[in-house]
Amino acid sequence: MHCVPDEEKNQHVIRLKLNRSLYNGDWVFLGEKRSGKFDHAVPFDFDFAHTVLRTKDDNPIERRDNQTDTTRIGSYTRTFRPLSGSDLENRLGRLRDWIRDFNPTIDILS
């Protein structure tokens, strides 16, 4: 049986190998002009994630010593997890306002 390394299965890595112009000096992949909803990137660092994301027990997400911030945030954002829990309306408002700070013409809640 032939095993393919994980990076060989990742569509982002495959795309990068086919078109090196998509590589911007960091392992952040650039979409095509038609692929994005936003005109400008929206920073989503751990401090912001802590204010809007909740665990299944309705607690703000916390850092873990065995995970990077990116890994921790990714565990909440890579799969569908509905925004729920206490103070939801306020947290959705924060998310909407944060996105609008960088993309004034976009309203994610409309």
PDB file of N, CA and C in Angstrom:
ATOM      1  N   MET A   1       0.850  -1.183   0.000  1.00  0.00           N
ATOM      2  CA  MET A   1       0.000   0.000   0.000  1.00  0.00           C
ATOM      3  C   MET A   1       0.890   1.239   0.000  1.00  0.00           C
ATOM      4  N   HIS A   2       0.580   2.165  -0.852  1.00  0.00           N
ATOM      5  CA  HIS A   2       1.341   3.404  -0.963  1.00  0.00           C
ATOM      6  C   HIS A   2       0.709   4.455  -0.055  1.00  0.00           C
ATOM      7  N   CYS A   3       1.475   4.966   0.900  1.00  0.00           N
ATOM      8  CA  CYS A   3       0.981   6.011   1.797  1.00  0.00           C
ATOM      9  C   CYS A   3       1.442   7.363   1.280  1.00  0.00           C
ATOM     10  N   VAL A   4       0.521   8.263   1.189  1.00  0.00           N
ATOM     11  CA  VAL A   4       0.825   9.620   0.736  1.00  0.00           C
ATOM     12  C   VAL A   4       0.958  10.502   1.960  1.00  0.00           C
ATOM     13  N   PRO A   5       2.069  11.250   2.104  1.00  0.00           N
ATOM     14  CA  PRO A   5       2.199  12.164   3.248  1.00  0.00           C
ATOM     15  C   PRO A   5       1.021  13.126   3.310  1.00  0.00           C
ATOM     16  N   ASP A   6       0.657  13.517   4.529  1.00  0.00           N
ATOM     17  CA  ASP A   6      -0.491  14.406   4.707  1.00  0.00           C
ATOM     18  C   ASP A   6      -0.396  15.657   3.850  1.00  0.00           C
ATOM     19  N   GLU A   7       0.809  16.253   3.774  1.00  0.00           N
ATOM     20  CA  GLU A   7       0.923  17.492   2.990  1.00  0.00           C
ATOM     21  C   GLU A   7       0.652  17.251   1.514  1.00  0.00           C
ATOM     22  N   GLU A   8       0.819  16.010   1.052  1.00  0.00           N
ATOM     23  CA  GLU A   8       0.531  15.696  -0.354  1.00  0.00           C
ATOM     24  C   GLU A   8      -0.968  15.574  -0.598  1.00  0.00           C
ATOM     25  N   LYS A   9      -1.748  15.406   0.462  1.00  0.00           N
ATOM     26  CA  LYS A   9      -3.197  15.302   0.334  1.00  0.00           C
ATOM     27  C   LYS A   9      -3.877  16.661   0.520  1.00  0.00           C
ATOM     28  N   ASN A  10      -3.166  17.590   1.098  1.00  0.00           N
ATOM     29  CA  ASN A  10      -3.743  18.894   1.403  1.00  0.00           C
ATOM     30  C   ASN A  10      -3.875  19.704   0.125  1.00  0.00           C
ATOM     31  N   GLN A  11      -5.100  20.092  -0.190  1.00  0.00           N
ATOM     32  CA  GLN A  11      -5.356  20.816  -1.434  1.00  0.00           C
ATOM     33  C   GLN A  11      -4.654  22.163  -1.488  1.00  0.00           C
ATOM     34  N   HIS A  12      -4.462  22.805  -0.345  1.00  0.00           N
ATOM     35  CA  HIS A  12      -3.748  24.073  -0.325  1.00  0.00           C
ATOM     36  C   HIS A  12      -2.282  23.879  -0.723  1.00  0.00           C
ATOM     37  N   VAL A  13      -1.664  22.828  -0.206  1.00  0.00           N
ATOM     38  CA  VAL A  13      -0.266  22.562  -0.528  1.00  0.00           C
ATOM     39  C   VAL A  13      -0.133  22.161  -1.998  1.00  0.00           C
ATOM     40  N   ILE A  14      -1.033  21.330  -2.463  1.00  0.00           N
ATOM     41  CA  ILE A  14      -1.011  20.933  -3.883  1.00  0.00           C
ATOM     42  C   ILE A  14      -1.133  22.169  -4.765  1.00  0.00           C
ATOM     43  N   ARG A  15      -2.050  23.052  -4.431  1.00  0.00           N
ATOM     44  CA  ARG A  15      -2.245  24.282  -5.214  1.00  0.00           C
ATOM     45  C   ARG A  15      -0.986  25.143  -5.191  1.00  0.00           C
ATOM     46  N   LEU A  16      -0.358  25.254  -4.011  1.00  0.00           N
ATOM     47  CA  LEU A  16       0.862  26.036  -3.887  1.00  0.00           C
ATOM     48  C   LEU A  16       1.961  25.474  -4.779  1.00  0.00           C
ATOM     49  N   LYS A  17       2.095  24.157  -4.789  1.00  0.00           N
ATOM     50  CA  LYS A  17       3.131  23.533  -5.615  1.00  0.00           C
ATOM     51  C   LYS A  17       2.887  23.780  -7.093  1.00  0.00           C
ATOM     52  N   LEU A  18       1.634  23.896  -7.480  1.00  0.00           N
ATOM     53  CA  LEU A  18       1.297  24.145  -8.880  1.00  0.00           C
ATOM     54  C   LEU A  18       1.445  25.613  -9.266  1.00  0.00           C
ATOM     55  N   ASN A  19       1.336  26.503  -8.289  1.00  0.00           N
ATOM     56  CA  ASN A  19       1.407  27.934  -8.580  1.00  0.00           C
ATOM     57  C   ASN A  19       2.136  28.647  -7.440  1.00  0.00           C
ATOM     58  N   ARG A  20       3.448  28.737  -7.534  1.00  0.00           N
ATOM     59  CA  ARG A  20       4.275  29.337  -6.478  1.00  0.00           C
ATOM     60  C   ARG A  20       3.959  30.816  -6.235  1.00  0.00           C
ATOM     61  N   SER A  21       3.306  31.472  -7.176  1.00  0.00           N
ATOM     62  CA  SER A  21       2.997  32.896  -6.962  1.00  0.00           C
ATOM     63  C   SER A  21       1.999  33.085  -5.837  1.00  0.00           C
ATOM     64  N   LEU A  22       1.341  32.023  -5.405  1.00  0.00           N
ATOM     65  CA  LEU A  22       0.394  32.122  -4.299  1.00  0.00           C
ATOM     66  C   LEU A  22       1.092  32.166  -2.946  1.00  0.00           C
ATOM     67  N   TYR A  23       2.375  31.843  -2.917  1.00  0.00           N
ATOM     68  CA  TYR A  23       3.144  31.846  -1.671  1.00  0.00           C
ATOM     69  C   TYR A  23       3.611  33.258  -1.378  1.00  0.00           C
ATOM     70  N   ASN A  24       3.295  33.774  -0.188  1.00  0.00           N
ATOM     71  CA  ASN A  24       3.604  35.166   0.143  1.00  0.00           C
ATOM     72  C   ASN A  24       4.690  35.309   1.200  1.00  0.00           C
ATOM     73  N   GLY A  25       5.490  34.262   1.416  1.00  0.00           N
ATOM     74  CA  GLY A  25       6.568  34.350   2.388  1.00  0.00           C
ATOM     75  C   GLY A  25       6.220  33.785   3.741  1.00  0.00           C
ATOM     76  N   ASP A  26       4.998  33.419   3.947  1.00  0.00           N
ATOM     77  CA  ASP A  26       4.563  32.780   5.174  1.00  0.00           C
ATOM     78  C   ASP A  26       3.594  31.680   4.749  1.00  0.00           C
ATOM     79  N   TRP A  27       3.235  30.801   5.633  1.00  0.00           N
ATOM     80  CA  TRP A  27       2.305  29.748   5.245  1.00  0.00           C
ATOM     81  C   TRP A  27       0.871  30.224   5.389  1.00  0.00           C
ATOM     82  N   VAL A  28       0.596  31.305   4.729  1.00  0.00           N
ATOM     83  CA  VAL A  28      -0.759  31.823   4.603  1.00  0.00           C
ATOM     84  C   VAL A  28      -1.070  31.793   3.128  1.00  0.00           C
ATOM     85  N   PHE A  29      -2.176  31.191   2.778  1.00  0.00           N
ATOM     86  CA  PHE A  29      -2.496  31.024   1.371  1.00  0.00           C
ATOM     87  C   PHE A  29      -3.401  32.150   0.899  1.00  0.00           C
ATOM     88  N   LEU A  30      -3.071  32.672  -0.240  1.00  0.00           N
ATOM     89  CA  LEU A  30      -3.837  33.758  -0.830  1.00  0.00           C
ATOM     90  C   LEU A  30      -4.910  33.189  -1.737  1.00  0.00           C
ATOM     91  N   GLY A  31      -6.102  33.679  -1.620  1.00  0.00           N
ATOM     92  CA  GLY A  31      -7.168  33.254  -2.520  1.00  0.00           C
ATOM     93  C   GLY A  31      -7.097  34.037  -3.818  1.00  0.00           C
ATOM     94  N   GLU A  32      -7.885  33.600  -4.753  1.00  0.00           N
ATOM     95  CA  GLU A  32      -8.005  34.351  -5.999  1.00  0.00           C
ATOM     96  C   GLU A  32      -8.949  35.514  -5.750  1.00  0.00           C
ATOM     97  N   LYS A  33      -8.969  36.481  -6.655  1.00  0.00           N
ATOM     98  CA  LYS A  33      -9.818  37.655  -6.458  1.00  0.00           C
ATOM     99  C   LYS A  33     -11.282  37.278  -6.296  1.00  0.00           C
ATOM    100  N   ARG A  34     -11.709  36.242  -6.981  1.00  0.00           N
ATOM    101  CA  ARG A  34     -13.120  35.873  -6.925  1.00  0.00           C
ATOM    102  C   ARG A  34     -13.470  34.977  -5.730  1.00  0.00           C
ATOM    103  N   SER A  35     -12.475  34.610  -4.910  1.00  0.00           N
ATOM    104  CA  SER A  35     -12.720  33.628  -3.848  1.00  0.00           C
ATOM    105  C   SER A  35     -13.129  34.239  -2.517  1.00  0.00           C
ATOM    106  N   GLY A  36     -12.911  35.493  -2.299  1.00  0.00           N
ATOM    107  CA  GLY A  36     -13.153  36.056  -0.980  1.00  0.00           C
ATOM    108  C   GLY A  36     -14.400  36.896  -0.885  1.00  0.00           C
ATOM    109  N   LYS A  37     -15.020  36.850   0.265  1.00  0.00           N
ATOM    110  CA  LYS A  37     -16.169  37.706   0.530  1.00  0.00           C
ATOM    111  C   LYS A  37     -15.713  39.094   0.949  1.00  0.00           C
ATOM    112  N   PHE A  38     -14.573  39.155   1.641  1.00  0.00           N
ATOM    113  CA  PHE A  38     -14.109  40.423   2.178  1.00  0.00           C
ATOM    114  C   PHE A  38     -13.099  41.087   1.254  1.00  0.00           C
ATOM    115  N   ASP A  39     -13.132  42.420   1.242  1.00  0.00           N
ATOM    116  CA  ASP A  39     -12.144  43.171   0.473  1.00  0.00           C
ATOM    117  C   ASP A  39     -10.796  43.184   1.177  1.00  0.00           C
ATOM    118  N   HIS A  40     -10.807  43.103   2.493  1.00  0.00           N
ATOM    119  CA  HIS A  40      -9.578  43.144   3.283  1.00  0.00           C
ATOM    120  C   HIS A  40      -9.591  42.020   4.314  1.00  0.00           C
ATOM    121  N   ALA A  41      -8.428  41.471   4.583  1.00  0.00           N
ATOM    122  CA  ALA A  41      -8.316  40.404   5.575  1.00  0.00           C
ATOM    123  C   ALA A  41      -8.741  40.918   6.945  1.00  0.00           C
ATOM    124  N   VAL A  42      -9.315  40.035   7.721  1.00  0.00           N
ATOM    125  CA  VAL A  42      -9.769  40.366   9.065  1.00  0.00           C
ATOM    126  C   VAL A  42      -8.915  39.575  10.056  1.00  0.00           C
ATOM    127  N   PRO A  43      -8.115  40.248  10.875  1.00  0.00           N
ATOM    128  CA  PRO A  43      -7.298  39.531  11.852  1.00  0.00           C
ATOM    129  C   PRO A  43      -8.184  38.768  12.835  1.00  0.00           C
ATOM    130  N   PHE A  44      -7.820  37.553  13.116  1.00  0.00           N
ATOM    131  CA  PHE A  44      -8.584  36.735  14.060  1.00  0.00           C
ATOM    132  C   PHE A  44      -7.587  36.076  14.992  1.00  0.00           C
ATOM    133  N   ASP A  45      -7.048  36.877  15.922  1.00  0.00           N
ATOM    134  CA  ASP A  45      -6.033  36.376  16.840  1.00  0.00           C
ATOM    135  C   ASP A  45      -6.697  35.781  18.077  1.00  0.00           C
ATOM    136  N   PHE A  46      -5.888  35.245  18.964  1.00  0.00           N
ATOM    137  CA  PHE A  46      -6.446  34.558  20.117  1.00  0.00           C
ATOM    138  C   PHE A  46      -7.242  35.495  21.018  1.00  0.00           C
ATOM    139  N   ASP A  47      -6.770  36.703  21.224  1.00  0.00           N
ATOM    140  CA  ASP A  47      -7.487  37.627  22.104  1.00  0.00           C
ATOM    141  C   ASP A  47      -8.894  37.883  21.587  1.00  0.00           C
ATOM    142  N   PHE A  48      -9.036  38.059  20.264  1.00  0.00           N
ATOM    143  CA  PHE A  48     -10.366  38.273  19.712  1.00  0.00           C
ATOM    144  C   PHE A  48     -11.186  36.983  19.774  1.00  0.00           C
ATOM    145  N   ALA A  49     -10.569  35.860  19.427  1.00  0.00           N
ATOM    146  CA  ALA A  49     -11.280  34.571  19.475  1.00  0.00           C
ATOM    147  C   ALA A  49     -11.826  34.318  20.881  1.00  0.00           C
ATOM    148  N   HIS A  50     -11.055  34.679  21.892  1.00  0.00           N
ATOM    149  CA  HIS A  50     -11.463  34.497  23.281  1.00  0.00           C
ATOM    150  C   HIS A  50     -12.749  35.269  23.587  1.00  0.00           C
ATOM    151  N   THR A  51     -12.969  36.392  22.913  1.00  0.00           N
ATOM    152  CA  THR A  51     -14.169  37.197  23.189  1.00  0.00           C
ATOM    153  C   THR A  51     -15.411  36.692  22.476  1.00  0.00           C
ATOM    154  N   VAL A  52     -15.252  35.936  21.375  1.00  0.00           N
ATOM    155  CA  VAL A  52     -16.447  35.541  20.613  1.00  0.00           C
ATOM    156  C   VAL A  52     -16.711  34.039  20.570  1.00  0.00           C
ATOM    157  N   LEU A  53     -15.720  33.201  20.831  1.00  0.00           N
ATOM    158  CA  LEU A  53     -15.918  31.753  20.751  1.00  0.00           C
ATOM    159  C   LEU A  53     -16.112  31.160  22.147  1.00  0.00           C
ATOM    160  N   ARG A  54     -16.945  30.133  22.225  1.00  0.00           N
ATOM    161  CA  ARG A  54     -17.224  29.464  23.494  1.00  0.00           C
ATOM    162  C   ARG A  54     -17.015  27.958  23.354  1.00  0.00           C
ATOM    163  N   THR A  55     -16.640  27.340  24.472  1.00  0.00           N
ATOM    164  CA  THR A  55     -16.538  25.891  24.525  1.00  0.00           C
ATOM    165  C   THR A  55     -17.944  25.304  24.582  1.00  0.00           C
ATOM    166  N   LYS A  56     -18.026  23.980  24.500  1.00  0.00           N
ATOM    167  CA  LYS A  56     -19.340  23.331  24.596  1.00  0.00           C
ATOM    168  C   LYS A  56     -19.988  23.582  25.958  1.00  0.00           C
ATOM    169  N   ASP A  57     -19.176  23.944  26.953  1.00  0.00           N
ATOM    170  CA  ASP A  57     -19.692  24.254  28.293  1.00  0.00           C
ATOM    171  C   ASP A  57     -19.969  25.742  28.479  1.00  0.00           C
ATOM    172  N   ASP A  58     -19.943  26.493  27.371  1.00  0.00           N
ATOM    173  CA  ASP A  58     -20.261  27.921  27.377  1.00  0.00           C
ATOM    174  C   ASP A  58     -19.219  28.771  28.105  1.00  0.00           C
ATOM    175  N   ASN A  59     -17.963  28.349  28.053  1.00  0.00           N
ATOM    176  CA  ASN A  59     -16.871  29.145  28.603  1.00  0.00           C
ATOM    177  C   ASN A  59     -16.036  29.700  27.451  1.00  0.00           C
ATOM    178  N   PRO A  60     -15.427  30.875  27.647  1.00  0.00           N
ATOM    179  CA  PRO A  60     -14.531  31.381  26.598  1.00  0.00           C
ATOM    180  C   PRO A  60     -13.401  30.374  26.354  1.00  0.00           C
ATOM    181  N   ILE A  61     -12.940  30.256  25.129  1.00  0.00           N
ATOM    182  CA  ILE A  61     -11.831  29.348  24.871  1.00  0.00           C
ATOM    183  C   ILE A  61     -10.598  29.851  25.598  1.00  0.00           C
ATOM    184  N   GLU A  62      -9.776  28.931  26.017  1.00  0.00           N
ATOM    185  CA  GLU A  62      -8.554  29.254  26.753  1.00  0.00           C
ATOM    186  C   GLU A  62      -7.347  28.688  26.016  1.00  0.00           C
ATOM    187  N   ARG A  63      -6.204  29.271  26.267  1.00  0.00           N
ATOM    188  CA  ARG A  63      -4.966  28.740  25.707  1.00  0.00           C
ATOM    189  C   ARG A  63      -4.638  27.403  26.362  1.00  0.00           C
ATOM    190  N   ARG A  64      -3.921  26.577  25.599  1.00  0.00           N
ATOM    191  CA  ARG A  64      -3.421  25.312  26.134  1.00  0.00           C
ATOM    192  C   ARG A  64      -1.920  25.260  25.878  1.00  0.00           C
ATOM    193  N   ASP A  65      -1.189  24.747  26.835  1.00  0.00           N
ATOM    194  CA  ASP A  65       0.267  24.670  26.698  1.00  0.00           C
ATOM    195  C   ASP A  65       0.700  23.803  25.526  1.00  0.00           C
ATOM    196  N   ASN A  66      -0.094  22.815  25.182  1.00  0.00           N
ATOM    197  CA  ASN A  66       0.293  21.884  24.122  1.00  0.00           C
ATOM    198  C   ASN A  66      -0.224  22.277  22.744  1.00  0.00           C
ATOM    199  N   GLN A  67      -0.796  23.471  22.609  1.00  0.00           N
ATOM    200  CA  GLN A  67      -1.308  23.935  21.319  1.00  0.00           C
ATOM    201  C   GLN A  67      -0.884  25.373  21.063  1.00  0.00           C
ATOM    202  N   THR A  68      -0.590  25.671  19.803  1.00  0.00           N
ATOM    203  CA  THR A  68      -0.366  27.067  19.443  1.00  0.00           C
ATOM    204  C   THR A  68      -1.715  27.773  19.407  1.00  0.00           C
ATOM    205  N   ASP A  69      -1.689  29.095  19.436  1.00  0.00           N
ATOM    206  CA  ASP A  69      -2.943  29.843  19.327  1.00  0.00           C
ATOM    207  C   ASP A  69      -3.658  29.506  18.029  1.00  0.00           C
ATOM    208  N   THR A  70      -2.910  29.395  16.945  1.00  0.00           N
ATOM    209  CA  THR A  70      -3.517  29.081  15.650  1.00  0.00           C
ATOM    210  C   THR A  70      -4.205  27.726  15.690  1.00  0.00           C
ATOM    211  N   THR A  71      -3.552  26.742  16.299  1.00  0.00           N
ATOM    212  CA  THR A  71      -4.153  25.412  16.412  1.00  0.00           C
ATOM    213  C   THR A  71      -5.415  25.454  17.254  1.00  0.00           C
ATOM    214  N   ARG A  72      -5.366  26.176  18.350  1.00  0.00           N
ATOM    215  CA  ARG A  72      -6.523  26.264  19.246  1.00  0.00           C
ATOM    216  C   ARG A  72      -7.697  26.933  18.547  1.00  0.00           C
ATOM    217  N   ILE A  73      -7.455  28.050  17.892  1.00  0.00           N
ATOM    218  CA  ILE A  73      -8.523  28.732  17.162  1.00  0.00           C
ATOM    219  C   ILE A  73      -9.056  27.823  16.061  1.00  0.00           C
ATOM    220  N   GLY A  74      -8.148  27.173  15.340  1.00  0.00           N
ATOM    221  CA  GLY A  74      -8.555  26.288  14.260  1.00  0.00           C
ATOM    222  C   GLY A  74      -9.453  25.165  14.715  1.00  0.00           C
ATOM    223  N   SER A  75      -9.253  24.694  15.929  1.00  0.00           N
ATOM    224  CA  SER A  75     -10.101  23.611  16.421  1.00  0.00           C
ATOM    225  C   SER A  75     -11.549  24.069  16.598  1.00  0.00           C
ATOM    226  N   TYR A  76     -11.758  25.366  16.679  1.00  0.00           N
ATOM    227  CA  TYR A  76     -13.118  25.906  16.800  1.00  0.00           C
ATOM    228  C   TYR A  76     -13.672  26.422  15.479  1.00  0.00           C
ATOM    229  N   THR A  77     -12.815  26.735  14.547  1.00  0.00           N
ATOM    230  CA  THR A  77     -13.298  27.384  13.322  1.00  0.00           C
ATOM    231  C   THR A  77     -13.228  26.515  12.078  1.00  0.00           C
ATOM    232  N   ARG A  78     -12.502  25.411  12.084  1.00  0.00           N
ATOM    233  CA  ARG A  78     -12.368  24.627  10.860  1.00  0.00           C
ATOM    234  C   ARG A  78     -13.584  23.761  10.579  1.00  0.00           C
ATOM    235  N   THR A  79     -14.350  23.445  11.602  1.00  0.00           N
ATOM    236  CA  THR A  79     -15.573  22.688  11.421  1.00  0.00           C
ATOM    237  C   THR A  79     -16.740  23.567  11.844  1.00  0.00           C
ATOM    238  N   PHE A  80     -17.905  23.201  11.419  1.00  0.00           N
ATOM    239  CA  PHE A  80     -19.070  23.994  11.773  1.00  0.00           C
ATOM    240  C   PHE A  80     -19.379  23.813  13.252  1.00  0.00           C
ATOM    241  N   ARG A  81     -19.291  24.880  13.970  1.00  0.00           N
ATOM    242  CA  ARG A  81     -19.732  24.924  15.362  1.00  0.00           C
ATOM    243  C   ARG A  81     -20.602  26.157  15.482  1.00  0.00           C
ATOM    244  N   PRO A  82     -21.866  25.961  15.715  1.00  0.00           N
ATOM    245  CA  PRO A  82     -22.738  27.145  15.791  1.00  0.00           C
ATOM    246  C   PRO A  82     -22.326  28.054  16.937  1.00  0.00           C
ATOM    247  N   LEU A  83     -22.451  29.337  16.709  1.00  0.00           N
ATOM    248  CA  LEU A  83     -22.239  30.279  17.800  1.00  0.00           C
ATOM    249  C   LEU A  83     -23.456  30.178  18.702  1.00  0.00           C
ATOM    250  N   SER A  84     -23.227  29.863  19.926  1.00  0.00           N
ATOM    251  CA  SER A  84     -24.333  29.702  20.860  1.00  0.00           C
ATOM    252  C   SER A  84     -23.850  30.069  22.247  1.00  0.00           C
ATOM    253  N   GLY A  85     -24.736  29.937  23.195  1.00  0.00           N
ATOM    254  CA  GLY A  85     -24.375  30.170  24.578  1.00  0.00           C
ATOM    255  C   GLY A  85     -24.774  31.553  25.061  1.00  0.00           C
ATOM    256  N   SER A  86     -24.282  31.858  26.236  1.00  0.00           N
ATOM    257  CA  SER A  86     -24.648  33.118  26.874  1.00  0.00           C
ATOM    258  C   SER A  86     -24.079  34.310  26.113  1.00  0.00           C
ATOM    259  N   ASP A  87     -24.776  35.402  26.213  1.00  0.00           N
ATOM    260  CA  ASP A  87     -24.296  36.671  25.646  1.00  0.00           C
ATOM    261  C   ASP A  87     -24.083  36.591  24.130  1.00  0.00           C
ATOM    262  N   LEU A  88     -24.845  35.714  23.467  1.00  0.00           N
ATOM    263  CA  LEU A  88     -24.644  35.493  22.032  1.00  0.00           C
ATOM    264  C   LEU A  88     -24.845  36.767  21.211  1.00  0.00           C
ATOM    265  N   GLU A  89     -25.898  37.507  21.484  1.00  0.00           N
ATOM    266  CA  GLU A  89     -26.164  38.711  20.697  1.00  0.00           C
ATOM    267  C   GLU A  89     -25.008  39.708  20.798  1.00  0.00           C
ATOM    268  N   ASN A  90     -24.460  39.894  21.980  1.00  0.00           N
ATOM    269  CA  ASN A  90     -23.330  40.787  22.172  1.00  0.00           C
ATOM    270  C   ASN A  90     -22.093  40.282  21.420  1.00  0.00           C
ATOM    271  N   ARG A  91     -21.817  38.972  21.498  1.00  0.00           N
ATOM    272  CA  ARG A  91     -20.647  38.407  20.821  1.00  0.00           C
ATOM    273  C   ARG A  91     -20.789  38.487  19.301  1.00  0.00           C
ATOM    274  N   LEU A  92     -22.005  38.261  18.779  1.00  0.00           N
ATOM    275  CA  LEU A  92     -22.221  38.417  17.337  1.00  0.00           C
ATOM    276  C   LEU A  92     -22.028  39.867  16.913  1.00  0.00           C
ATOM    277  N   GLY A  93     -22.469  40.790  17.746  1.00  0.00           N
ATOM    278  CA  GLY A  93     -22.260  42.211  17.466  1.00  0.00           C
ATOM    279  C   GLY A  93     -20.787  42.562  17.421  1.00  0.00           C
ATOM    280  N   ARG A  94     -20.005  42.010  18.336  1.00  0.00           N
ATOM    281  CA  ARG A  94     -18.550  42.245  18.331  1.00  0.00           C
ATOM    282  C   ARG A  94     -17.923  41.710  17.049  1.00  0.00           C
ATOM    283  N   LEU A  95     -18.340  40.504  16.655  1.00  0.00           N
ATOM    284  CA  LEU A  95     -17.822  39.911  15.428  1.00  0.00           C
ATOM    285  C   LEU A  95     -18.186  40.764  14.216  1.00  0.00           C
ATOM    286  N   ARG A  96     -19.425  41.186  14.130  1.00  0.00           N
ATOM    287  CA  ARG A  96     -19.872  42.037  13.025  1.00  0.00           C
ATOM    288  C   ARG A  96     -19.083  43.353  12.989  1.00  0.00           C
ATOM    289  N   ASP A  97     -18.940  43.984  14.143  1.00  0.00           N
ATOM    290  CA  ASP A  97     -18.228  45.263  14.200  1.00  0.00           C
ATOM    291  C   ASP A  97     -16.754  45.096  13.839  1.00  0.00           C
ATOM    292  N   TRP A  98     -16.135  44.005  14.273  1.00  0.00           N
ATOM    293  CA  TRP A  98     -14.723  43.736  13.975  1.00  0.00           C
ATOM    294  C   TRP A  98     -14.537  43.584  12.469  1.00  0.00           C
ATOM    295  N   ILE A  99     -15.414  42.843  11.837  1.00  0.00           N
ATOM    296  CA  ILE A  99     -15.321  42.664  10.382  1.00  0.00           C
ATOM    297  C   ILE A  99     -15.547  43.995   9.678  1.00  0.00           C
ATOM    298  N   ARG A 100     -16.509  44.763  10.143  1.00  0.00           N
ATOM    299  CA  ARG A 100     -16.787  46.079   9.529  1.00  0.00           C
ATOM    300  C   ARG A 100     -15.619  47.052   9.679  1.00  0.00           C
ATOM    301  N   ASP A 101     -14.834  46.924  10.749  1.00  0.00           N
ATOM    302  CA  ASP A 101     -13.670  47.796  10.923  1.00  0.00           C
ATOM    303  C   ASP A 101     -12.724  47.665   9.723  1.00  0.00           C
ATOM    304  N   PHE A 102     -12.633  46.484   9.157  1.00  0.00           N
ATOM    305  CA  PHE A 102     -11.730  46.224   8.040  1.00  0.00           C
ATOM    306  C   PHE A 102     -12.443  46.215   6.694  1.00  0.00           C
ATOM    307  N   ASN A 103     -13.765  46.017   6.707  1.00  0.00           N
ATOM    308  CA  ASN A 103     -14.568  45.917   5.485  1.00  0.00           C
ATOM    309  C   ASN A 103     -15.884  46.657   5.691  1.00  0.00           C
ATOM    310  N   PRO A 104     -15.853  47.988   5.600  1.00  0.00           N
ATOM    311  CA  PRO A 104     -17.027  48.793   5.950  1.00  0.00           C
ATOM    312  C   PRO A 104     -18.289  48.477   5.147  1.00  0.00           C
ATOM    313  N   THR A 105     -18.153  47.918   3.965  1.00  0.00           N
ATOM    314  CA  THR A 105     -19.335  47.660   3.136  1.00  0.00           C
ATOM    315  C   THR A 105     -19.951  46.284   3.378  1.00  0.00           C
ATOM    316  N   ILE A 106     -19.356  45.483   4.248  1.00  0.00           N
ATOM    317  CA  ILE A 106     -19.838  44.118   4.495  1.00  0.00           C
ATOM    318  C   ILE A 106     -20.608  44.062   5.808  1.00  0.00           C
ATOM    319  N   ASP A 107     -21.797  43.464   5.783  1.00  0.00           N
ATOM    320  CA  ASP A 107     -22.526  43.196   7.008  1.00  0.00           C
ATOM    321  C   ASP A 107     -22.857  41.707   7.029  1.00  0.00           C
ATOM    322  N   ILE A 108     -22.140  40.963   7.857  1.00  0.00           N
ATOM    323  CA  ILE A 108     -22.307  39.517   7.876  1.00  0.00           C
ATOM    324  C   ILE A 108     -23.645  39.083   8.456  1.00  0.00           C
ATOM    325  N   LEU A 109     -24.322  39.983   9.137  1.00  0.00           N
ATOM    326  CA  LEU A 109     -25.594  39.624   9.749  1.00  0.00           C
ATOM    327  C   LEU A 109     -26.801  40.087   8.944  1.00  0.00           C
ATOM    328  N   SER A 110     -26.563  40.621   7.767  1.00  0.00           N
ATOM    329  CA  SER A 110     -27.718  41.081   6.982  1.00  0.00           C
ATOM    330  C   SER A 110     -28.223  40.001   6.068  1.00  0.00           C
TER     331      SER A 110
END
